[in-house]
């Protein structure tokens, strides 16, 4: 269960990082979208594991 929460936290941190990159760099939309996708995948994987792993 701890690994699921860690993945969710990492996903949220990655989303914040993507937002920062998008705001701070010019012409960084591709990089921002890539980081956003990675964050969403990490968070979703954490949610999936949270439901599947025993308490």
N, C-alpha and C. Protein backbone atom coordinates (compact mmCIF):
# COMPACT_ATOMS: atom_id res chain seq x y z
N UNK A 1 0.82 -1.18 0.00
CA UNK A 1 0.00 0.00 0.00
C UNK A 1 0.87 1.26 0.00
N UNK A 2 2.03 1.18 0.65
CA UNK A 2 2.92 2.33 0.70
C UNK A 2 3.44 2.68 -0.69
N UNK A 3 3.74 1.66 -1.49
CA UNK A 3 4.24 1.92 -2.84
C UNK A 3 3.18 2.63 -3.68
N UNK A 4 1.91 2.31 -3.46
CA UNK A 4 0.84 2.96 -4.20
C UNK A 4 0.77 4.44 -3.85
N UNK A 5 0.87 4.76 -2.58
CA UNK A 5 0.84 6.16 -2.15
C UNK A 5 2.07 6.92 -2.66
N UNK A 6 3.21 6.27 -2.66
CA UNK A 6 4.43 6.91 -3.17
C UNK A 6 4.28 7.23 -4.65
N UNK A 7 3.72 6.30 -5.42
CA UNK A 7 3.50 6.54 -6.85
C UNK A 7 2.52 7.69 -7.07
N UNK A 8 1.49 7.78 -6.25
CA UNK A 8 0.54 8.88 -6.37
C UNK A 8 1.20 10.22 -6.07
N UNK A 9 2.03 10.25 -5.03
CA UNK A 9 2.73 11.48 -4.69
C UNK A 9 3.70 11.87 -5.80
N UNK A 10 4.43 10.90 -6.33
CA UNK A 10 5.35 11.19 -7.43
C UNK A 10 4.60 11.71 -8.66
N UNK A 11 3.43 11.15 -8.92
CA UNK A 11 2.62 11.63 -10.04
C UNK A 11 2.20 13.07 -9.85
N UNK A 12 1.80 13.43 -8.64
CA UNK A 12 1.39 14.81 -8.38
C UNK A 12 2.57 15.77 -8.44
N UNK A 13 3.72 15.34 -7.96
CA UNK A 13 4.93 16.16 -8.05
C UNK A 13 5.30 16.38 -9.51
N UNK A 14 5.18 15.35 -10.31
CA UNK A 14 5.50 15.46 -11.73
C UNK A 14 4.55 16.42 -12.44
N UNK A 15 3.29 16.43 -12.04
CA UNK A 15 2.33 17.38 -12.61
C UNK A 15 2.72 18.81 -12.27
N UNK A 16 3.15 19.03 -11.05
CA UNK A 16 3.64 20.36 -10.67
C UNK A 16 4.88 20.77 -11.44
N UNK A 17 5.75 19.80 -11.66
CA UNK A 17 6.96 20.06 -12.45
C UNK A 17 6.60 20.42 -13.89
N UNK A 18 5.64 19.71 -14.45
CA UNK A 18 5.18 20.01 -15.81
C UNK A 18 4.61 21.41 -15.90
N UNK A 19 3.83 21.80 -14.90
CA UNK A 19 3.27 23.15 -14.87
C UNK A 19 4.37 24.19 -14.80
N UNK A 20 5.36 23.96 -13.97
CA UNK A 20 6.49 24.89 -13.84
C UNK A 20 7.24 25.02 -15.17
N UNK A 21 7.50 23.90 -15.82
CA UNK A 21 8.20 23.93 -17.12
C UNK A 21 7.38 24.71 -18.13
N UNK A 22 6.08 24.49 -18.15
CA UNK A 22 5.21 25.18 -19.10
C UNK A 22 5.17 26.68 -18.89
N UNK A 23 5.25 27.10 -17.64
CA UNK A 23 5.21 28.53 -17.33
C UNK A 23 6.57 29.18 -17.55
N UNK A 24 7.64 28.51 -17.19
CA UNK A 24 8.96 29.14 -17.16
C UNK A 24 9.73 29.09 -18.48
N UNK A 25 9.39 28.19 -19.36
CA UNK A 25 10.16 28.05 -20.61
C UNK A 25 9.29 28.39 -21.81
N UNK A 26 9.88 29.09 -22.75
CA UNK A 26 9.19 29.38 -24.00
C UNK A 26 9.25 28.17 -24.93
N UNK A 27 8.19 27.95 -25.68
CA UNK A 27 8.11 26.86 -26.65
C UNK A 27 8.40 25.50 -26.02
N UNK A 28 7.82 25.25 -24.86
CA UNK A 28 8.07 23.99 -24.15
C UNK A 28 6.81 23.13 -24.06
N UNK A 29 5.87 23.34 -24.97
CA UNK A 29 4.60 22.61 -24.90
C UNK A 29 4.81 21.10 -25.01
N UNK A 30 5.68 20.66 -25.90
CA UNK A 30 5.92 19.21 -26.05
C UNK A 30 6.49 18.61 -24.76
N UNK A 31 7.45 19.30 -24.17
CA UNK A 31 8.05 18.83 -22.93
C UNK A 31 7.02 18.82 -21.80
N UNK A 32 6.21 19.87 -21.76
CA UNK A 32 5.17 19.95 -20.74
C UNK A 32 4.16 18.81 -20.88
N UNK A 33 3.73 18.52 -22.08
CA UNK A 33 2.76 17.45 -22.31
C UNK A 33 3.36 16.08 -21.98
N UNK A 34 4.64 15.89 -22.29
CA UNK A 34 5.31 14.63 -21.95
C UNK A 34 5.35 14.44 -20.44
N UNK A 35 5.75 15.48 -19.72
CA UNK A 35 5.82 15.39 -18.27
C UNK A 35 4.43 15.22 -17.66
N UNK A 36 3.44 15.87 -18.25
CA UNK A 36 2.06 15.71 -17.80
C UNK A 36 1.60 14.26 -17.96
N UNK A 37 1.91 13.67 -19.10
CA UNK A 37 1.54 12.28 -19.35
C UNK A 37 2.21 11.33 -18.37
N UNK A 38 3.49 11.57 -18.08
CA UNK A 38 4.21 10.74 -17.12
C UNK A 38 3.57 10.85 -15.73
N UNK A 39 3.22 12.07 -15.35
CA UNK A 39 2.58 12.28 -14.05
C UNK A 39 1.24 11.58 -13.95
N UNK A 40 0.45 11.66 -15.00
CA UNK A 40 -0.86 11.01 -15.01
C UNK A 40 -0.69 9.49 -14.93
N UNK A 41 0.26 8.95 -15.65
CA UNK A 41 0.50 7.50 -15.63
C UNK A 41 0.94 7.04 -14.25
N UNK A 42 1.86 7.79 -13.62
CA UNK A 42 2.30 7.42 -12.27
C UNK A 42 1.15 7.46 -11.27
N UNK A 43 0.37 8.52 -11.32
CA UNK A 43 -0.75 8.64 -10.39
C UNK A 43 -1.78 7.53 -10.62
N UNK A 44 -2.10 7.27 -11.87
CA UNK A 44 -3.09 6.23 -12.19
C UNK A 44 -2.59 4.85 -11.78
N UNK A 45 -1.33 4.59 -11.99
CA UNK A 45 -0.75 3.32 -11.56
C UNK A 45 -0.84 3.17 -10.04
N UNK A 46 -0.57 4.25 -9.33
CA UNK A 46 -0.70 4.22 -7.87
C UNK A 46 -2.12 3.94 -7.43
N UNK A 47 -3.10 4.57 -8.10
CA UNK A 47 -4.52 4.33 -7.77
C UNK A 47 -4.91 2.89 -8.06
N UNK A 48 -4.43 2.36 -9.19
CA UNK A 48 -4.73 0.98 -9.55
C UNK A 48 -4.16 0.02 -8.51
N UNK A 49 -2.89 0.24 -8.12
CA UNK A 49 -2.27 -0.63 -7.13
C UNK A 49 -2.94 -0.51 -5.77
N UNK A 50 -3.39 0.68 -5.45
CA UNK A 50 -4.06 0.89 -4.16
C UNK A 50 -5.33 0.04 -4.06
N UNK A 51 -6.02 -0.10 -5.17
CA UNK A 51 -7.26 -0.90 -5.17
C UNK A 51 -6.97 -2.40 -5.22
N UNK A 52 -5.88 -2.78 -5.87
CA UNK A 52 -5.59 -4.20 -6.08
C UNK A 52 -4.78 -4.83 -4.94
N UNK A 53 -3.90 -4.07 -4.29
CA UNK A 53 -3.07 -4.65 -3.25
C UNK A 53 -3.88 -4.84 -1.97
N UNK A 54 -3.58 -5.91 -1.24
CA UNK A 54 -4.30 -6.12 0.03
C UNK A 54 -3.89 -5.05 1.05
N UNK A 55 -4.78 -4.78 1.96
CA UNK A 55 -4.54 -3.76 2.99
C UNK A 55 -3.39 -4.18 3.83
